[in-house]
Each structure stands twice: as structure tokens, then as C-alpha cells.
Amino acid sequence: MQEMVIDSIRVSLANYQRVVILKEKESDRYLPIWIGPAEADAIAIKLQGVSVPRPLTHDLLSSVIGAVGADLKYIAVSDLQNDTFYAKLGINMNDSTVEVDARPSDAIALAVREQVPIYVDETVLDKASVTLDESGTPIIEEEKEGAEASQAVKEEDLKRMSAFTEFIKTLDLEDLGSSKETES
């Protein structure tokens, strides 16, 4: 597992989809995860320090976790299957940690409220991360450890990832590494 931080929340001008960009703490690897508008707002509100008169859903869940004597220790984006990310909440209760299934967007919204680490499984990063060079240009790794240099991208994989490809084409990746401001 690699520890990540929230780099930014972006909105595609082409289709108004939201994406949270996680950045690996110790490198220039980025992980874009599509999220819904409500979850994007919930994350952005907390990151920007905006106070709301009544608790939002993620505030409520955070309060419930605390009220039952538990605490959130971490969240982990644990898997990626068929373009769907999966996450776990690491909740400590009675001196043991249980992992609870969650959507990554909800897990991240809780993580910013509880100020706990965000982790991503290495296999997820291998499948979906983007590495940028010093100028902000994506680096295309032609050969990864354990992979054959001649490994071709399968046609079905290209079709399955086409929605991501179209979305990423609409992003301005040049300023990804330089901007720490959250957009919404």
C-alpha cells in the first residue's frame, strides 16, 4: 500500500464529471478517480474549511463511528475491477481493526474529516496511475517490472477504458503537479 494525498478535485468541462486526483506522497504518481458531484462537494467543503449549518452525510457517519466508541484509522483504495474502484474503511473498535467496504469517494470524504491516511494498493496504482515528469508531461512506461516489453494492449481493454481516455483528454495535465488548489 502506498500513502496518498489529495492533490485536487477537477471538473471536466466536456461532460462536467468530477475526478479526485490522489498523489503518491513519495513520488510523482497520480491516481484519478471519478466521483459523483455530491461526494466531490463533500470533500471540497472540508478541504476548504467551509462550515455548514447541519451535518452532511459524511459528518453524520463520522459522528456515528465516534459515538459507538470506534475511530477511523485509515482508508484504502483496495481494488480496481471493470473500471470500478473499491475501498475499505479501517475502523478500530475494542482494540481490533475491522475493514468495512466503501466507495472510494465516501471513504475519501471520511478521511478528510478524520484526518487519517489514504492508502492505495500497489496493484491499483499499476493499473490506473499516471506518472508525470518535471514539466508535467505524462510518462508512458513501455516496460514495467515483471511485464514483457512486447505486451500489447488488448482491444477489449481499450474499449473498456475509452470513457477514461476521453475524460483524461479533457484535463489540463500540465498544471497537475504544480497546483495544490482544489477546484469545484
N, C-alpha and C. Protein backbone atom coordinates (compact mmCIF):
# COMPACT_ATOMS: atom_id res chain seq x y z
N MET A 1 0.84 -1.19 0.00
CA MET A 1 0.00 0.00 0.00
C MET A 1 0.88 1.24 0.00
N GLN A 2 0.49 2.20 -0.81
CA GLN A 2 1.21 3.47 -0.89
C GLN A 2 0.34 4.57 -0.28
N GLU A 3 0.95 5.44 0.52
CA GLU A 3 0.19 6.54 1.09
C GLU A 3 0.03 7.64 0.06
N MET A 4 -1.16 8.19 0.00
CA MET A 4 -1.52 9.21 -0.98
C MET A 4 -2.03 10.46 -0.26
N VAL A 5 -2.03 11.57 -0.98
CA VAL A 5 -2.65 12.80 -0.51
C VAL A 5 -3.59 13.29 -1.62
N ILE A 6 -4.55 14.10 -1.24
CA ILE A 6 -5.45 14.66 -2.25
C ILE A 6 -4.74 15.83 -2.92
N ASP A 7 -4.52 15.70 -4.21
CA ASP A 7 -3.89 16.78 -4.96
C ASP A 7 -4.91 17.83 -5.34
N SER A 8 -6.05 17.37 -5.88
CA SER A 8 -7.07 18.31 -6.32
C SER A 8 -8.35 17.57 -6.67
N ILE A 9 -9.39 18.36 -6.86
CA ILE A 9 -10.65 17.85 -7.40
C ILE A 9 -10.87 18.64 -8.68
N ARG A 10 -11.10 17.94 -9.76
CA ARG A 10 -11.24 18.57 -11.07
C ARG A 10 -12.62 18.32 -11.64
N VAL A 11 -13.02 19.19 -12.55
CA VAL A 11 -14.28 19.04 -13.26
C VAL A 11 -13.97 19.06 -14.74
N SER A 12 -14.44 18.06 -15.46
CA SER A 12 -14.27 18.04 -16.91
C SER A 12 -15.23 19.04 -17.52
N LEU A 13 -14.70 19.93 -18.34
CA LEU A 13 -15.56 20.91 -18.99
C LEU A 13 -16.40 20.29 -20.10
N ALA A 14 -15.98 19.13 -20.59
CA ALA A 14 -16.71 18.46 -21.66
C ALA A 14 -18.01 17.84 -21.17
N ASN A 15 -17.97 17.20 -19.97
CA ASN A 15 -19.16 16.49 -19.52
C ASN A 15 -19.49 16.74 -18.05
N TYR A 16 -18.77 17.64 -17.41
CA TYR A 16 -18.99 18.03 -16.02
C TYR A 16 -18.82 16.89 -15.02
N GLN A 17 -18.11 15.85 -15.40
CA GLN A 17 -17.77 14.77 -14.48
C GLN A 17 -16.72 15.28 -13.51
N ARG A 18 -16.78 14.81 -12.27
CA ARG A 18 -15.79 15.17 -11.26
C ARG A 18 -14.79 14.05 -11.11
N VAL A 19 -13.55 14.44 -10.83
CA VAL A 19 -12.50 13.47 -10.60
C VAL A 19 -11.65 13.99 -9.44
N VAL A 20 -11.37 13.10 -8.50
CA VAL A 20 -10.45 13.44 -7.42
C VAL A 20 -9.09 12.89 -7.85
N ILE A 21 -8.07 13.73 -7.71
CA ILE A 21 -6.72 13.34 -8.09
C ILE A 21 -5.94 13.08 -6.80
N LEU A 22 -5.55 11.83 -6.61
CA LEU A 22 -4.69 11.47 -5.48
C LEU A 22 -3.26 11.45 -5.96
N LYS A 23 -2.33 11.94 -5.12
CA LYS A 23 -0.91 11.95 -5.46
C LYS A 23 -0.16 11.11 -4.44
N GLU A 24 0.70 10.25 -4.93
CA GLU A 24 1.53 9.45 -4.04
C GLU A 24 2.45 10.38 -3.26
N LYS A 25 2.52 10.17 -1.96
CA LYS A 25 3.29 11.05 -1.09
C LYS A 25 4.77 11.09 -1.46
N GLU A 26 5.33 9.97 -1.85
CA GLU A 26 6.77 9.87 -2.06
C GLU A 26 7.19 9.88 -3.53
N SER A 27 6.28 10.18 -4.45
CA SER A 27 6.67 10.21 -5.87
C SER A 27 5.71 11.10 -6.65
N ASP A 28 5.88 11.11 -7.94
CA ASP A 28 5.04 11.91 -8.82
C ASP A 28 4.02 11.05 -9.54
N ARG A 29 3.50 10.03 -8.84
CA ARG A 29 2.44 9.20 -9.40
C ARG A 29 1.11 9.75 -8.95
N TYR A 30 0.16 9.85 -9.89
CA TYR A 30 -1.16 10.38 -9.62
C TYR A 30 -2.21 9.33 -9.96
N LEU A 31 -3.30 9.34 -9.19
CA LEU A 31 -4.38 8.40 -9.43
C LEU A 31 -5.68 9.19 -9.57
N PRO A 32 -6.24 9.26 -10.78
CA PRO A 32 -7.53 9.93 -10.96
C PRO A 32 -8.67 8.94 -10.70
N ILE A 33 -9.63 9.36 -9.87
CA ILE A 33 -10.80 8.53 -9.57
C ILE A 33 -12.04 9.38 -9.82
N TRP A 34 -12.90 8.91 -10.70
CA TRP A 34 -14.16 9.61 -10.96
C TRP A 34 -15.04 9.50 -9.74
N ILE A 35 -15.69 10.61 -9.39
CA ILE A 35 -16.60 10.62 -8.25
C ILE A 35 -17.84 11.41 -8.61
N GLY A 36 -18.88 11.26 -7.81
CA GLY A 36 -20.12 11.99 -8.03
C GLY A 36 -20.02 13.43 -7.54
N PRO A 37 -20.93 14.28 -8.01
CA PRO A 37 -20.89 15.69 -7.60
C PRO A 37 -21.12 15.89 -6.10
N ALA A 38 -21.98 15.10 -5.48
CA ALA A 38 -22.24 15.27 -4.04
C ALA A 38 -20.99 14.92 -3.24
N GLU A 39 -20.30 13.85 -3.63
CA GLU A 39 -19.09 13.45 -2.92
C GLU A 39 -17.96 14.45 -3.17
N ALA A 40 -17.87 14.96 -4.40
CA ALA A 40 -16.86 15.98 -4.71
C ALA A 40 -17.09 17.21 -3.84
N ASP A 41 -18.35 17.63 -3.71
CA ASP A 41 -18.66 18.78 -2.86
C ASP A 41 -18.35 18.50 -1.39
N ALA A 42 -18.66 17.27 -0.93
CA ALA A 42 -18.40 16.92 0.47
C ALA A 42 -16.90 16.97 0.78
N ILE A 43 -16.08 16.51 -0.17
CA ILE A 43 -14.63 16.55 0.02
C ILE A 43 -14.14 18.00 -0.03
N ALA A 44 -14.58 18.75 -1.04
CA ALA A 44 -14.13 20.13 -1.22
C ALA A 44 -14.53 21.02 -0.05
N ILE A 45 -15.74 20.84 0.46
CA ILE A 45 -16.21 21.66 1.60
C ILE A 45 -15.27 21.50 2.78
N LYS A 46 -14.88 20.27 3.07
CA LYS A 46 -14.00 20.03 4.22
C LYS A 46 -12.59 20.54 3.94
N LEU A 47 -12.08 20.31 2.73
CA LEU A 47 -10.73 20.77 2.40
C LEU A 47 -10.63 22.29 2.45
N GLN A 48 -11.70 22.96 2.08
CA GLN A 48 -11.69 24.42 2.05
C GLN A 48 -12.09 25.04 3.39
N GLY A 49 -12.43 24.20 4.37
CA GLY A 49 -12.77 24.71 5.69
C GLY A 49 -14.11 25.42 5.76
N VAL A 50 -15.02 25.10 4.86
CA VAL A 50 -16.34 25.71 4.84
C VAL A 50 -17.20 25.04 5.92
N SER A 51 -17.85 25.86 6.73
CA SER A 51 -18.73 25.27 7.74
C SER A 51 -20.16 25.25 7.21
N VAL A 52 -20.86 24.20 7.55
CA VAL A 52 -22.25 24.04 7.13
C VAL A 52 -23.12 24.03 8.39
N PRO A 53 -24.34 24.54 8.28
CA PRO A 53 -25.18 24.64 9.48
C PRO A 53 -25.62 23.30 10.05
N ARG A 54 -25.75 22.30 9.23
CA ARG A 54 -26.17 20.97 9.67
C ARG A 54 -25.18 19.95 9.13
N PRO A 55 -25.04 18.82 9.82
CA PRO A 55 -24.06 17.82 9.36
C PRO A 55 -24.45 17.23 8.00
N LEU A 56 -23.43 17.08 7.16
CA LEU A 56 -23.62 16.36 5.90
C LEU A 56 -23.56 14.86 6.20
N THR A 57 -23.88 14.06 5.22
CA THR A 57 -23.92 12.61 5.41
C THR A 57 -22.59 12.07 5.95
N HIS A 58 -21.48 12.56 5.42
CA HIS A 58 -20.18 12.06 5.87
C HIS A 58 -19.85 12.55 7.28
N ASP A 59 -20.34 13.73 7.65
CA ASP A 59 -20.19 14.21 9.02
C ASP A 59 -20.98 13.32 9.96
N LEU A 60 -22.18 12.94 9.54
CA LEU A 60 -23.02 12.06 10.34
C LEU A 60 -22.34 10.71 10.57
N LEU A 61 -21.82 10.12 9.50
CA LEU A 61 -21.15 8.82 9.64
C LEU A 61 -19.93 8.94 10.56
N SER A 62 -19.20 10.01 10.44
CA SER A 62 -18.05 10.24 11.31
C SER A 62 -18.49 10.33 12.77
N SER A 63 -19.59 11.02 13.02
CA SER A 63 -20.13 11.14 14.38
C SER A 63 -20.60 9.79 14.92
N VAL A 64 -21.23 8.99 14.07
CA VAL A 64 -21.72 7.68 14.49
C VAL A 64 -20.54 6.77 14.85
N ILE A 65 -19.50 6.79 14.04
CA ILE A 65 -18.32 5.97 14.33
C ILE A 65 -17.77 6.34 15.71
N GLY A 66 -17.66 7.63 15.99
CA GLY A 66 -17.17 8.07 17.29
C GLY A 66 -18.13 7.76 18.42
N ALA A 67 -19.43 7.88 18.18
CA ALA A 67 -20.43 7.66 19.23
C ALA A 67 -20.48 6.21 19.70
N VAL A 68 -20.10 5.28 18.84
CA VAL A 68 -20.12 3.87 19.24
C VAL A 68 -18.77 3.43 19.81
N GLY A 69 -17.88 4.40 20.02
CA GLY A 69 -16.60 4.09 20.64
C GLY A 69 -15.53 3.60 19.68
N ALA A 70 -15.72 3.84 18.41
CA ALA A 70 -14.74 3.42 17.42
C ALA A 70 -14.04 4.65 16.84
N ASP A 71 -12.98 4.41 16.08
CA ASP A 71 -12.37 5.52 15.36
C ASP A 71 -11.80 5.01 14.04
N LEU A 72 -11.85 5.90 13.06
CA LEU A 72 -11.33 5.60 11.73
C LEU A 72 -9.82 5.74 11.77
N LYS A 73 -9.10 4.69 11.37
CA LYS A 73 -7.64 4.69 11.40
C LYS A 73 -7.04 5.02 10.03
N TYR A 74 -7.69 4.57 8.96
CA TYR A 74 -7.18 4.78 7.61
C TYR A 74 -8.29 4.45 6.62
N ILE A 75 -8.08 4.85 5.38
CA ILE A 75 -8.90 4.34 4.29
C ILE A 75 -7.94 3.79 3.25
N ALA A 76 -8.41 2.82 2.49
CA ALA A 76 -7.56 2.21 1.47
C ALA A 76 -8.36 1.96 0.21
N VAL A 77 -7.85 2.46 -0.92
CA VAL A 77 -8.41 2.09 -2.21
C VAL A 77 -7.75 0.76 -2.53
N SER A 78 -8.56 -0.29 -2.46
CA SER A 78 -8.01 -1.64 -2.41
C SER A 78 -8.08 -2.43 -3.70
N ASP A 79 -8.92 -2.02 -4.64
CA ASP A 79 -9.07 -2.83 -5.84
C ASP A 79 -9.63 -1.99 -6.98
N LEU A 80 -9.42 -2.48 -8.19
CA LEU A 80 -9.99 -1.88 -9.40
C LEU A 80 -10.41 -3.02 -10.30
N GLN A 81 -11.73 -3.14 -10.52
CA GLN A 81 -12.27 -4.21 -11.36
C GLN A 81 -13.29 -3.61 -12.31
N ASN A 82 -13.13 -3.88 -13.60
CA ASN A 82 -14.08 -3.41 -14.62
C ASN A 82 -14.36 -1.92 -14.48
N ASP A 83 -13.29 -1.13 -14.36
CA ASP A 83 -13.35 0.33 -14.26
C ASP A 83 -14.00 0.82 -12.97
N THR A 84 -14.20 -0.04 -11.99
CA THR A 84 -14.79 0.36 -10.72
C THR A 84 -13.75 0.22 -9.61
N PHE A 85 -13.54 1.32 -8.88
CA PHE A 85 -12.62 1.31 -7.75
C PHE A 85 -13.36 0.83 -6.50
N TYR A 86 -12.64 0.13 -5.63
CA TYR A 86 -13.18 -0.36 -4.37
C TYR A 86 -12.30 0.17 -3.24
N ALA A 87 -12.93 0.44 -2.10
CA ALA A 87 -12.17 0.95 -0.96
C ALA A 87 -12.62 0.26 0.32
N LYS A 88 -11.80 0.44 1.34
CA LYS A 88 -12.09 -0.10 2.67
C LYS A 88 -11.86 1.00 3.69
N LEU A 89 -12.70 1.00 4.73
CA LEU A 89 -12.50 1.86 5.88
C LEU A 89 -11.85 1.00 6.96
N GLY A 90 -10.73 1.43 7.48
CA GLY A 90 -10.08 0.73 8.59
C GLY A 90 -10.57 1.33 9.89
N ILE A 91 -11.49 0.64 10.55
CA ILE A 91 -12.13 1.15 11.77
C ILE A 91 -11.63 0.35 12.97
N ASN A 92 -11.12 1.08 13.97
CA ASN A 92 -10.62 0.46 15.19
C ASN A 92 -11.71 0.51 16.25
N MET A 93 -12.02 -0.68 16.81
CA MET A 93 -13.02 -0.77 17.87
C MET A 93 -12.64 -1.92 18.78
N ASN A 94 -12.65 -1.67 20.07
CA ASN A 94 -12.31 -2.70 21.05
C ASN A 94 -10.95 -3.33 20.77
N ASP A 95 -9.97 -2.52 20.50
CA ASP A 95 -8.59 -2.95 20.27
C ASP A 95 -8.39 -3.87 19.08
N SER A 96 -9.32 -3.83 18.13
CA SER A 96 -9.10 -4.56 16.89
C SER A 96 -9.58 -3.69 15.73
N THR A 97 -8.99 -3.91 14.59
CA THR A 97 -9.34 -3.14 13.40
C THR A 97 -10.15 -4.01 12.46
N VAL A 98 -11.30 -3.49 12.05
CA VAL A 98 -12.12 -4.16 11.05
C VAL A 98 -12.11 -3.31 9.79
N GLU A 99 -12.21 -3.97 8.65
CA GLU A 99 -12.28 -3.26 7.39
C GLU A 99 -13.70 -3.35 6.86
N VAL A 100 -14.24 -2.19 6.49
CA VAL A 100 -15.61 -2.10 6.00
C VAL A 100 -15.57 -1.62 4.55
N ASP A 101 -16.29 -2.31 3.68
CA ASP A 101 -16.36 -1.96 2.27
C ASP A 101 -16.97 -0.57 2.10
N ALA A 102 -16.42 0.22 1.17
CA ALA A 102 -16.92 1.57 0.92
C ALA A 102 -16.60 1.98 -0.51
N ARG A 103 -17.33 2.96 -1.00
CA ARG A 103 -16.95 3.58 -2.26
C ARG A 103 -15.76 4.49 -1.98
N PRO A 104 -14.79 4.58 -2.88
CA PRO A 104 -13.64 5.44 -2.63
C PRO A 104 -14.02 6.89 -2.34
N SER A 105 -15.02 7.41 -3.02
CA SER A 105 -15.41 8.80 -2.80
C SER A 105 -15.91 9.03 -1.38
N ASP A 106 -16.71 8.09 -0.87
CA ASP A 106 -17.18 8.21 0.51
C ASP A 106 -16.03 8.03 1.49
N ALA A 107 -15.14 7.09 1.21
CA ALA A 107 -14.01 6.84 2.08
C ALA A 107 -13.11 8.09 2.15
N ILE A 108 -12.87 8.72 1.01
CA ILE A 108 -12.04 9.92 0.98
C ILE A 108 -12.72 11.06 1.73
N ALA A 109 -14.03 11.20 1.57
CA ALA A 109 -14.77 12.24 2.30
C ALA A 109 -14.65 12.03 3.81
N LEU A 110 -14.66 10.78 4.25
CA LEU A 110 -14.45 10.49 5.68
C LEU A 110 -13.00 10.75 6.09
N ALA A 111 -12.07 10.38 5.25
CA ALA A 111 -10.65 10.56 5.57
C ALA A 111 -10.30 12.03 5.79
N VAL A 112 -10.87 12.92 4.98
CA VAL A 112 -10.56 14.35 5.18
C VAL A 112 -11.20 14.87 6.46
N ARG A 113 -12.32 14.31 6.86
CA ARG A 113 -12.96 14.73 8.11
C ARG A 113 -12.18 14.25 9.33
N GLU A 114 -11.68 13.03 9.26
CA GLU A 114 -10.98 12.42 10.39
C GLU A 114 -9.47 12.62 10.32
N GLN A 115 -9.00 13.18 9.23
CA GLN A 115 -7.57 13.41 9.01
C GLN A 115 -6.75 12.15 9.21
N VAL A 116 -7.16 11.10 8.50
CA VAL A 116 -6.47 9.81 8.55
C VAL A 116 -5.77 9.57 7.22
N PRO A 117 -4.79 8.68 7.21
CA PRO A 117 -4.07 8.39 5.96
C PRO A 117 -4.97 7.76 4.89
N ILE A 118 -4.63 8.07 3.66
CA ILE A 118 -5.28 7.48 2.49
C ILE A 118 -4.23 6.60 1.82
N TYR A 119 -4.55 5.31 1.69
CA TYR A 119 -3.64 4.37 1.05
C TYR A 119 -4.26 3.84 -0.23
N VAL A 120 -3.39 3.44 -1.17
CA VAL A 120 -3.84 2.80 -2.40
C VAL A 120 -2.97 1.57 -2.61
N ASP A 121 -3.62 0.46 -2.91
CA ASP A 121 -2.92 -0.79 -3.18
C ASP A 121 -2.05 -0.63 -4.42
N GLU A 122 -0.88 -1.21 -4.38
CA GLU A 122 0.08 -1.11 -5.48
C GLU A 122 -0.50 -1.63 -6.79
N THR A 123 -1.33 -2.69 -6.74
CA THR A 123 -1.91 -3.22 -7.97
C THR A 123 -2.86 -2.22 -8.62
N VAL A 124 -3.55 -1.43 -7.81
CA VAL A 124 -4.44 -0.38 -8.34
C VAL A 124 -3.59 0.69 -9.01
N LEU A 125 -2.52 1.09 -8.37
CA LEU A 125 -1.63 2.10 -8.96
C LEU A 125 -1.03 1.58 -10.27
N ASP A 126 -0.65 0.31 -10.30
CA ASP A 126 -0.10 -0.26 -11.52
C ASP A 126 -1.10 -0.20 -12.67
N LYS A 127 -2.38 -0.38 -12.37
CA LYS A 127 -3.41 -0.39 -13.40
C LYS A 127 -3.84 1.01 -13.84
N ALA A 128 -3.88 1.98 -12.91
CA ALA A 128 -4.58 3.22 -13.23
C ALA A 128 -3.83 4.52 -12.94
N SER A 129 -2.60 4.45 -12.45
CA SER A 129 -1.91 5.69 -12.11
C SER A 129 -1.25 6.32 -13.33
N VAL A 130 -0.95 7.60 -13.18
CA VAL A 130 -0.25 8.37 -14.20
C VAL A 130 0.97 8.97 -13.52
N THR A 131 2.13 8.85 -14.17
CA THR A 131 3.36 9.46 -13.65
C THR A 131 3.70 10.65 -14.53
N LEU A 132 4.07 11.76 -13.89
CA LEU A 132 4.42 12.97 -14.63
C LEU A 132 5.90 13.26 -14.49
N ASP A 133 6.49 13.82 -15.56
CA ASP A 133 7.88 14.26 -15.45
C ASP A 133 7.92 15.67 -14.87
N GLU A 134 9.10 16.28 -14.81
CA GLU A 134 9.25 17.60 -14.19
C GLU A 134 8.42 18.67 -14.88
N SER A 135 8.17 18.51 -16.18
CA SER A 135 7.40 19.52 -16.91
C SER A 135 5.90 19.28 -16.85
N GLY A 136 5.48 18.19 -16.17
CA GLY A 136 4.05 17.90 -16.06
C GLY A 136 3.51 17.03 -17.18
N THR A 137 4.40 16.48 -17.99
CA THR A 137 4.00 15.62 -19.10
C THR A 137 3.91 14.18 -18.61
N PRO A 138 2.83 13.48 -18.96
CA PRO A 138 2.71 12.09 -18.54
C PRO A 138 3.84 11.23 -19.11
N ILE A 139 4.38 10.36 -18.28
CA ILE A 139 5.43 9.42 -18.71
C ILE A 139 4.75 8.11 -19.05
N ILE A 140 5.02 7.62 -20.23
CA ILE A 140 4.46 6.33 -20.65
C ILE A 140 5.54 5.29 -20.44
N GLU A 141 5.27 4.39 -19.51
CA GLU A 141 6.23 3.34 -19.21
C GLU A 141 6.05 2.23 -20.22
N GLU A 142 7.08 2.01 -21.02
CA GLU A 142 6.99 0.98 -22.04
C GLU A 142 7.25 -0.40 -21.47
N GLU A 143 7.97 -0.43 -20.37
CA GLU A 143 8.27 -1.74 -19.79
C GLU A 143 8.21 -1.62 -18.28
N LYS A 144 7.32 -2.35 -17.64
CA LYS A 144 7.22 -2.38 -16.19
C LYS A 144 7.86 -3.66 -15.69
N GLU A 145 8.28 -3.64 -14.43
CA GLU A 145 8.89 -4.83 -13.85
C GLU A 145 7.92 -6.01 -13.95
N GLY A 146 8.44 -7.13 -14.39
CA GLY A 146 7.64 -8.34 -14.47
C GLY A 146 6.76 -8.41 -15.71
N ALA A 147 6.75 -7.36 -16.52
CA ALA A 147 5.91 -7.38 -17.73
C ALA A 147 6.82 -7.54 -18.94
N GLU A 148 6.29 -8.15 -19.96
CA GLU A 148 7.07 -8.33 -21.18
C GLU A 148 7.04 -7.04 -21.99
N ALA A 149 8.17 -6.71 -22.62
CA ALA A 149 8.27 -5.48 -23.40
C ALA A 149 7.32 -5.52 -24.59
N SER A 150 7.05 -6.71 -25.09
CA SER A 150 6.20 -6.83 -26.28
C SER A 150 4.72 -6.95 -25.95
N GLN A 151 4.35 -6.80 -24.67
CA GLN A 151 2.95 -6.98 -24.28
C GLN A 151 2.10 -5.88 -24.93
N ALA A 152 1.13 -6.28 -25.73
CA ALA A 152 0.28 -5.33 -26.42
C ALA A 152 -1.00 -5.08 -25.62
N VAL A 153 -1.55 -3.90 -25.79
CA VAL A 153 -2.82 -3.58 -25.14
C VAL A 153 -3.92 -4.30 -25.91
N LYS A 154 -4.75 -5.01 -25.18
CA LYS A 154 -5.82 -5.76 -25.82
C LYS A 154 -6.93 -4.82 -26.27
N GLU A 155 -7.56 -5.15 -27.38
CA GLU A 155 -8.65 -4.33 -27.93
C GLU A 155 -9.78 -4.16 -26.93
N GLU A 156 -10.14 -5.21 -26.18
CA GLU A 156 -11.23 -5.12 -25.20
C GLU A 156 -10.86 -4.16 -24.07
N ASP A 157 -9.56 -4.12 -23.69
CA ASP A 157 -9.12 -3.19 -22.66
C ASP A 157 -9.26 -1.75 -23.15
N LEU A 158 -8.92 -1.52 -24.40
CA LEU A 158 -9.06 -0.16 -24.95
C LEU A 158 -10.53 0.28 -24.96
N LYS A 159 -11.42 -0.62 -25.34
CA LYS A 159 -12.85 -0.28 -25.35
C LYS A 159 -13.36 0.00 -23.95
N ARG A 160 -12.93 -0.84 -22.99
CA ARG A 160 -13.36 -0.70 -21.61
C ARG A 160 -12.86 0.60 -21.00
N MET A 161 -11.68 1.03 -21.38
CA MET A 161 -11.09 2.24 -20.81
C MET A 161 -11.38 3.49 -21.63
N SER A 162 -12.16 3.39 -22.69
CA SER A 162 -12.39 4.54 -23.57
C SER A 162 -13.03 5.72 -22.86
N ALA A 163 -13.90 5.47 -21.90
CA ALA A 163 -14.51 6.58 -21.16
C ALA A 163 -13.46 7.34 -20.37
N PHE A 164 -12.52 6.60 -19.76
CA PHE A 164 -11.44 7.25 -19.02
C PHE A 164 -10.54 8.04 -19.97
N THR A 165 -10.24 7.44 -21.13
CA THR A 165 -9.36 8.10 -22.09
C THR A 165 -9.97 9.42 -22.55
N GLU A 166 -11.24 9.40 -22.89
CA GLU A 166 -11.90 10.63 -23.33
C GLU A 166 -11.91 11.67 -22.23
N PHE A 167 -12.15 11.26 -21.00
CA PHE A 167 -12.16 12.20 -19.88
C PHE A 167 -10.77 12.79 -19.66
N ILE A 168 -9.76 11.95 -19.66
CA ILE A 168 -8.40 12.42 -19.40
C ILE A 168 -7.95 13.38 -20.49
N LYS A 169 -8.41 13.19 -21.72
CA LYS A 169 -8.07 14.12 -22.80
C LYS A 169 -8.58 15.52 -22.52
N THR A 170 -9.66 15.64 -21.74
CA THR A 170 -10.22 16.97 -21.45
C THR A 170 -9.52 17.66 -20.29
N LEU A 171 -8.67 16.94 -19.55
CA LEU A 171 -7.99 17.53 -18.39
C LEU A 171 -6.74 18.27 -18.83
N ASP A 172 -6.39 19.33 -18.10
CA ASP A 172 -5.16 20.05 -18.32
C ASP A 172 -4.13 19.44 -17.38
N LEU A 173 -3.38 18.44 -17.86
CA LEU A 173 -2.44 17.73 -17.01
C LEU A 173 -1.15 18.50 -16.78
N GLU A 174 -0.90 19.55 -17.56
CA GLU A 174 0.35 20.28 -17.39
C GLU A 174 0.47 20.94 -16.04
N ASP A 175 -0.65 21.40 -15.47
CA ASP A 175 -0.57 22.08 -14.18
C ASP A 175 -0.88 21.13 -13.03
N LEU A 176 -1.02 19.85 -13.29
CA LEU A 176 -1.41 18.88 -12.27
C LEU A 176 -0.42 18.84 -11.11
N GLY A 177 0.84 18.81 -11.40
CA GLY A 177 1.84 18.73 -10.34
C GLY A 177 2.13 20.05 -9.65
N SER A 178 1.77 21.17 -10.28
CA SER A 178 2.12 22.47 -9.70
C SER A 178 1.02 23.10 -8.89
N SER A 179 -0.22 22.72 -9.09
CA SER A 179 -1.34 23.35 -8.39
C SER A 179 -1.79 22.51 -7.22
N LYS A 180 -1.93 23.12 -6.07
CA LYS A 180 -2.45 22.42 -4.89
C LYS A 180 -3.83 22.93 -4.54
N GLU A 181 -4.39 23.80 -5.36
CA GLU A 181 -5.71 24.33 -5.07
C GLU A 181 -6.77 23.36 -5.50
N THR A 182 -7.84 23.32 -4.78
CA THR A 182 -8.96 22.45 -5.09
C THR A 182 -9.93 23.22 -5.95
N GLU A 183 -10.33 22.62 -7.06
CA GLU A 183 -11.31 23.25 -7.93
C GLU A 183 -12.62 22.54 -7.79
N SER A 184 -13.70 23.25 -7.94
CA SER A 184 -15.00 22.59 -7.95
C SER A 184 -15.95 23.33 -8.82
